[in-house]
Amino acid sequence: MLISVVVGLALAVAHSYATARVQRLGNQHDSAIGLAVMLGGYAAAFVVVIAVFFVLALWTPLNLLAMLLTFVVAFSALLALTVYRLLYKQRNAPPSAGASGV
């Protein structure tokens, strides 16, 4: 059971990392293409994770429920941390040059 939890945690971290990389790639393009890259990459990452879960469930004795629950909890926590960091950076960003009001 502990191995199932570790595998679920590793998959959540890998998925979060892959999603962050895809978002960085999407930010390098203009808005329409960048959005398409981000959405496509996010969907592809979930398809890969589902395929990995399917393969692990069929060909290993790992506990699928433990892996899925760990994945959901860890991914949710990582996503909340990412959103918090983005909001914190935005709130503490210096004002733009034209926002001085003078």
N, C-alpha and C. Protein backbone atom coordinates (compact mmCIF):
# COMPACT_ATOMS: atom_id res chain seq x y z
N MET A 1 0.83 -1.20 0.00
CA MET A 1 0.00 0.00 0.00
C MET A 1 0.87 1.26 0.00
N LEU A 2 1.97 1.24 0.75
CA LEU A 2 2.84 2.41 0.80
C LEU A 2 3.47 2.69 -0.57
N ILE A 3 3.79 1.64 -1.30
CA ILE A 3 4.35 1.83 -2.63
C ILE A 3 3.32 2.48 -3.55
N SER A 4 2.06 2.11 -3.40
CA SER A 4 0.99 2.72 -4.20
C SER A 4 0.89 4.22 -3.91
N VAL A 5 1.03 4.60 -2.66
CA VAL A 5 0.98 6.00 -2.28
C VAL A 5 2.17 6.75 -2.88
N VAL A 6 3.34 6.15 -2.82
CA VAL A 6 4.54 6.78 -3.38
C VAL A 6 4.41 6.95 -4.89
N VAL A 7 3.87 5.93 -5.57
CA VAL A 7 3.67 6.02 -7.02
C VAL A 7 2.67 7.12 -7.35
N GLY A 8 1.57 7.20 -6.60
CA GLY A 8 0.58 8.26 -6.82
C GLY A 8 1.17 9.64 -6.61
N LEU A 9 2.00 9.78 -5.58
CA LEU A 9 2.66 11.05 -5.30
C LEU A 9 3.65 11.42 -6.42
N ALA A 10 4.40 10.44 -6.87
CA ALA A 10 5.36 10.68 -7.95
C ALA A 10 4.64 11.09 -9.24
N LEU A 11 3.52 10.46 -9.53
CA LEU A 11 2.76 10.83 -10.72
C LEU A 11 2.20 12.24 -10.60
N ALA A 12 1.75 12.63 -9.41
CA ALA A 12 1.23 13.98 -9.22
C ALA A 12 2.33 15.03 -9.41
N VAL A 13 3.50 14.76 -8.87
CA VAL A 13 4.62 15.69 -9.01
C VAL A 13 5.05 15.77 -10.48
N ALA A 14 5.12 14.62 -11.15
CA ALA A 14 5.50 14.62 -12.57
C ALA A 14 4.47 15.36 -13.42
N HIS A 15 3.19 15.16 -13.12
CA HIS A 15 2.15 15.85 -13.87
C HIS A 15 2.20 17.36 -13.62
N SER A 16 2.42 17.74 -12.40
CA SER A 16 2.51 19.17 -12.07
C SER A 16 3.71 19.81 -12.78
N TYR A 17 4.83 19.12 -12.80
CA TYR A 17 6.02 19.62 -13.49
C TYR A 17 5.77 19.73 -14.99
N ALA A 18 5.15 18.71 -15.57
CA ALA A 18 4.87 18.74 -17.01
C ALA A 18 3.91 19.88 -17.34
N THR A 19 2.92 20.10 -16.51
CA THR A 19 1.97 21.18 -16.74
C THR A 19 2.67 22.53 -16.67
N ALA A 20 3.57 22.70 -15.71
CA ALA A 20 4.30 23.96 -15.60
C ALA A 20 5.17 24.21 -16.83
N ARG A 21 5.80 23.16 -17.34
CA ARG A 21 6.63 23.30 -18.54
C ARG A 21 5.79 23.70 -19.75
N VAL A 22 4.61 23.08 -19.88
CA VAL A 22 3.73 23.40 -21.00
C VAL A 22 3.24 24.84 -20.89
N GLN A 23 2.95 25.29 -19.68
CA GLN A 23 2.52 26.67 -19.51
C GLN A 23 3.63 27.65 -19.88
N ARG A 24 4.87 27.32 -19.55
CA ARG A 24 5.98 28.18 -19.95
C ARG A 24 6.12 28.23 -21.47
N LEU A 25 5.94 27.08 -22.11
CA LEU A 25 5.99 27.06 -23.58
C LEU A 25 4.85 27.89 -24.17
N GLY A 26 3.67 27.77 -23.57
CA GLY A 26 2.53 28.53 -24.06
C GLY A 26 2.70 30.02 -23.89
N ASN A 27 3.37 30.44 -22.84
CA ASN A 27 3.59 31.86 -22.60
C ASN A 27 4.58 32.47 -23.58
N GLN A 28 5.37 31.65 -24.26
CA GLN A 28 6.35 32.16 -25.21
C GLN A 28 5.71 32.51 -26.56
N HIS A 29 4.48 32.07 -26.79
CA HIS A 29 3.81 32.32 -28.06
C HIS A 29 2.77 33.43 -27.88
N ASP A 30 2.22 33.88 -29.00
CA ASP A 30 1.16 34.89 -28.88
C ASP A 30 -0.08 34.26 -28.25
N SER A 31 -1.06 35.06 -27.92
CA SER A 31 -2.15 34.62 -27.05
C SER A 31 -2.96 33.45 -27.60
N ALA A 32 -3.33 33.46 -28.87
CA ALA A 32 -4.17 32.38 -29.41
C ALA A 32 -3.39 31.07 -29.48
N ILE A 33 -2.19 31.11 -30.00
CA ILE A 33 -1.38 29.90 -30.10
C ILE A 33 -0.95 29.43 -28.71
N GLY A 34 -0.60 30.37 -27.85
CA GLY A 34 -0.20 30.02 -26.49
C GLY A 34 -1.30 29.32 -25.73
N LEU A 35 -2.53 29.81 -25.87
CA LEU A 35 -3.66 29.17 -25.21
C LEU A 35 -3.89 27.77 -25.75
N ALA A 36 -3.78 27.61 -27.06
CA ALA A 36 -3.94 26.29 -27.67
C ALA A 36 -2.85 25.32 -27.19
N VAL A 37 -1.62 25.82 -27.10
CA VAL A 37 -0.52 24.98 -26.62
C VAL A 37 -0.75 24.56 -25.18
N MET A 38 -1.18 25.51 -24.34
CA MET A 38 -1.41 25.18 -22.93
C MET A 38 -2.56 24.18 -22.76
N LEU A 39 -3.67 24.40 -23.44
CA LEU A 39 -4.80 23.49 -23.32
C LEU A 39 -4.47 22.10 -23.88
N GLY A 40 -3.82 22.07 -25.02
CA GLY A 40 -3.43 20.79 -25.61
C GLY A 40 -2.43 20.04 -24.75
N GLY A 41 -1.47 20.75 -24.20
CA GLY A 41 -0.49 20.11 -23.33
C GLY A 41 -1.10 19.61 -22.04
N TYR A 42 -2.02 20.38 -21.49
CA TYR A 42 -2.70 19.96 -20.26
C TYR A 42 -3.52 18.70 -20.51
N ALA A 43 -4.24 18.67 -21.62
CA ALA A 43 -5.04 17.49 -21.96
C ALA A 43 -4.13 16.28 -22.23
N ALA A 44 -3.04 16.50 -22.94
CA ALA A 44 -2.11 15.41 -23.24
C ALA A 44 -1.49 14.86 -21.96
N ALA A 45 -1.16 15.74 -21.02
CA ALA A 45 -0.58 15.27 -19.75
C ALA A 45 -1.58 14.41 -18.98
N PHE A 46 -2.85 14.81 -18.98
CA PHE A 46 -3.85 13.99 -18.31
C PHE A 46 -4.05 12.66 -19.01
N VAL A 47 -4.00 12.63 -20.33
CA VAL A 47 -4.13 11.37 -21.07
C VAL A 47 -2.97 10.44 -20.71
N VAL A 48 -1.77 11.00 -20.62
CA VAL A 48 -0.61 10.18 -20.25
C VAL A 48 -0.76 9.63 -18.83
N VAL A 49 -1.21 10.46 -17.91
CA VAL A 49 -1.40 10.01 -16.53
C VAL A 49 -2.46 8.91 -16.47
N ILE A 50 -3.56 9.08 -17.19
CA ILE A 50 -4.60 8.04 -17.21
C ILE A 50 -4.06 6.75 -17.80
N ALA A 51 -3.27 6.85 -18.87
CA ALA A 51 -2.68 5.66 -19.47
C ALA A 51 -1.74 4.96 -18.49
N VAL A 52 -0.95 5.74 -17.75
CA VAL A 52 -0.03 5.15 -16.76
C VAL A 52 -0.83 4.45 -15.66
N PHE A 53 -1.89 5.09 -15.17
CA PHE A 53 -2.73 4.45 -14.16
C PHE A 53 -3.34 3.15 -14.70
N PHE A 54 -3.80 3.18 -15.93
CA PHE A 54 -4.40 1.99 -16.54
C PHE A 54 -3.39 0.85 -16.64
N VAL A 55 -2.18 1.16 -17.10
CA VAL A 55 -1.14 0.14 -17.21
C VAL A 55 -0.75 -0.40 -15.84
N LEU A 56 -0.58 0.50 -14.87
CA LEU A 56 -0.22 0.05 -13.52
C LEU A 56 -1.32 -0.79 -12.89
N ALA A 57 -2.57 -0.45 -13.15
CA ALA A 57 -3.68 -1.21 -12.57
C ALA A 57 -3.76 -2.61 -13.17
N LEU A 58 -3.43 -2.72 -14.46
CA LEU A 58 -3.55 -4.03 -15.11
C LEU A 58 -2.36 -4.95 -14.84
N TRP A 59 -1.16 -4.40 -14.80
CA TRP A 59 0.01 -5.26 -14.78
C TRP A 59 0.85 -5.20 -13.51
N THR A 60 0.37 -4.54 -12.48
CA THR A 60 1.07 -4.54 -11.20
C THR A 60 0.09 -4.81 -10.08
N PRO A 61 0.58 -5.28 -8.94
CA PRO A 61 -0.32 -5.52 -7.81
C PRO A 61 -0.56 -4.26 -6.95
N LEU A 62 -0.25 -3.09 -7.49
CA LEU A 62 -0.43 -1.87 -6.72
C LEU A 62 -1.91 -1.59 -6.49
N ASN A 63 -2.21 -0.92 -5.39
CA ASN A 63 -3.57 -0.58 -5.03
C ASN A 63 -3.98 0.66 -5.83
N LEU A 64 -4.90 0.48 -6.77
CA LEU A 64 -5.30 1.57 -7.65
C LEU A 64 -5.99 2.69 -6.89
N LEU A 65 -6.84 2.36 -5.93
CA LEU A 65 -7.55 3.37 -5.17
C LEU A 65 -6.58 4.25 -4.38
N ALA A 66 -5.57 3.64 -3.78
CA ALA A 66 -4.58 4.41 -3.02
C ALA A 66 -3.80 5.33 -3.95
N MET A 67 -3.43 4.84 -5.13
CA MET A 67 -2.71 5.67 -6.09
C MET A 67 -3.56 6.85 -6.54
N LEU A 68 -4.82 6.59 -6.88
CA LEU A 68 -5.69 7.65 -7.36
C LEU A 68 -5.96 8.70 -6.29
N LEU A 69 -6.24 8.27 -5.07
CA LEU A 69 -6.50 9.22 -4.00
C LEU A 69 -5.27 10.07 -3.69
N THR A 70 -4.12 9.43 -3.66
CA THR A 70 -2.88 10.18 -3.43
C THR A 70 -2.63 11.17 -4.54
N PHE A 71 -2.85 10.74 -5.78
CA PHE A 71 -2.67 11.63 -6.93
C PHE A 71 -3.59 12.84 -6.82
N VAL A 72 -4.86 12.61 -6.53
CA VAL A 72 -5.82 13.71 -6.48
C VAL A 72 -5.46 14.69 -5.36
N VAL A 73 -5.14 14.18 -4.19
CA VAL A 73 -4.80 15.05 -3.06
C VAL A 73 -3.51 15.82 -3.33
N ALA A 74 -2.48 15.12 -3.80
CA ALA A 74 -1.19 15.77 -4.05
C ALA A 74 -1.29 16.77 -5.19
N PHE A 75 -1.99 16.41 -6.27
CA PHE A 75 -2.13 17.34 -7.40
C PHE A 75 -2.92 18.57 -6.98
N SER A 76 -3.97 18.39 -6.19
CA SER A 76 -4.76 19.53 -5.71
C SER A 76 -3.91 20.45 -4.84
N ALA A 77 -3.10 19.87 -3.98
CA ALA A 77 -2.24 20.68 -3.12
C ALA A 77 -1.20 21.43 -3.94
N LEU A 78 -0.60 20.77 -4.92
CA LEU A 78 0.39 21.44 -5.77
C LEU A 78 -0.24 22.54 -6.62
N LEU A 79 -1.45 22.29 -7.09
CA LEU A 79 -2.15 23.31 -7.87
C LEU A 79 -2.50 24.51 -6.99
N ALA A 80 -2.96 24.26 -5.77
CA ALA A 80 -3.27 25.36 -4.85
C ALA A 80 -2.01 26.16 -4.52
N LEU A 81 -0.89 25.48 -4.33
CA LEU A 81 0.37 26.16 -4.06
C LEU A 81 0.79 27.02 -5.25
N THR A 82 0.62 26.51 -6.46
CA THR A 82 0.97 27.26 -7.66
C THR A 82 0.10 28.51 -7.80
N VAL A 83 -1.20 28.35 -7.58
CA VAL A 83 -2.10 29.50 -7.67
C VAL A 83 -1.76 30.53 -6.60
N TYR A 84 -1.46 30.08 -5.40
CA TYR A 84 -1.09 31.00 -4.32
C TYR A 84 0.18 31.78 -4.69
N ARG A 85 1.18 31.07 -5.22
CA ARG A 85 2.42 31.75 -5.59
C ARG A 85 2.18 32.77 -6.69
N LEU A 86 1.35 32.43 -7.69
CA LEU A 86 1.06 33.38 -8.76
C LEU A 86 0.33 34.60 -8.23
N LEU A 87 -0.64 34.41 -7.35
CA LEU A 87 -1.37 35.54 -6.79
C LEU A 87 -0.46 36.38 -5.90
N TYR A 88 0.41 35.74 -5.14
CA TYR A 88 1.32 36.46 -4.26
C TYR A 88 2.30 37.30 -5.08
N LYS A 89 2.83 36.74 -6.17
CA LYS A 89 3.74 37.49 -7.02
C LYS A 89 3.03 38.69 -7.64
N GLN A 90 1.78 38.48 -8.07
CA GLN A 90 1.03 39.56 -8.71
C GLN A 90 0.73 40.68 -7.71
N ARG A 91 0.42 40.32 -6.48
CA ARG A 91 0.09 41.30 -5.46
C ARG A 91 1.32 42.10 -5.05
N ASN A 92 2.48 41.47 -5.03
CA ASN A 92 3.70 42.13 -4.58
C ASN A 92 4.56 42.68 -5.72
N ALA A 93 4.01 42.69 -6.93
CA ALA A 93 4.77 43.22 -8.07
C ALA A 93 4.86 44.73 -7.95
N PRO A 94 5.98 45.30 -8.37
CA PRO A 94 6.09 46.77 -8.32
C PRO A 94 5.12 47.39 -9.31
N PRO A 95 4.66 48.60 -9.03
CA PRO A 95 3.71 49.24 -9.96
C PRO A 95 4.37 49.56 -11.29
N SER A 96 3.57 49.63 -12.31
CA SER A 96 4.12 49.95 -13.63
C SER A 96 4.55 51.41 -13.68
N ALA A 97 5.30 51.76 -14.68
CA ALA A 97 5.86 53.12 -14.78
C ALA A 97 4.77 54.18 -14.94
N GLY A 98 3.66 53.83 -15.59
CA GLY A 98 2.60 54.81 -15.81
C GLY A 98 1.59 54.88 -14.69
N ALA A 99 1.76 54.11 -13.62
CA ALA A 99 0.77 54.07 -12.55
C ALA A 99 1.13 54.94 -11.37
N SER A 100 2.01 55.90 -11.56
CA SER A 100 2.44 56.72 -10.42
C SER A 100 1.40 57.75 -10.01
N GLY A 101 0.51 58.14 -10.92
CA GLY A 101 -0.54 59.07 -10.60
C GLY A 101 -0.08 60.52 -10.55
N VAL A 102 1.14 60.79 -10.94
CA VAL A 102 1.66 62.16 -10.90
C VAL A 102 1.48 62.82 -12.24
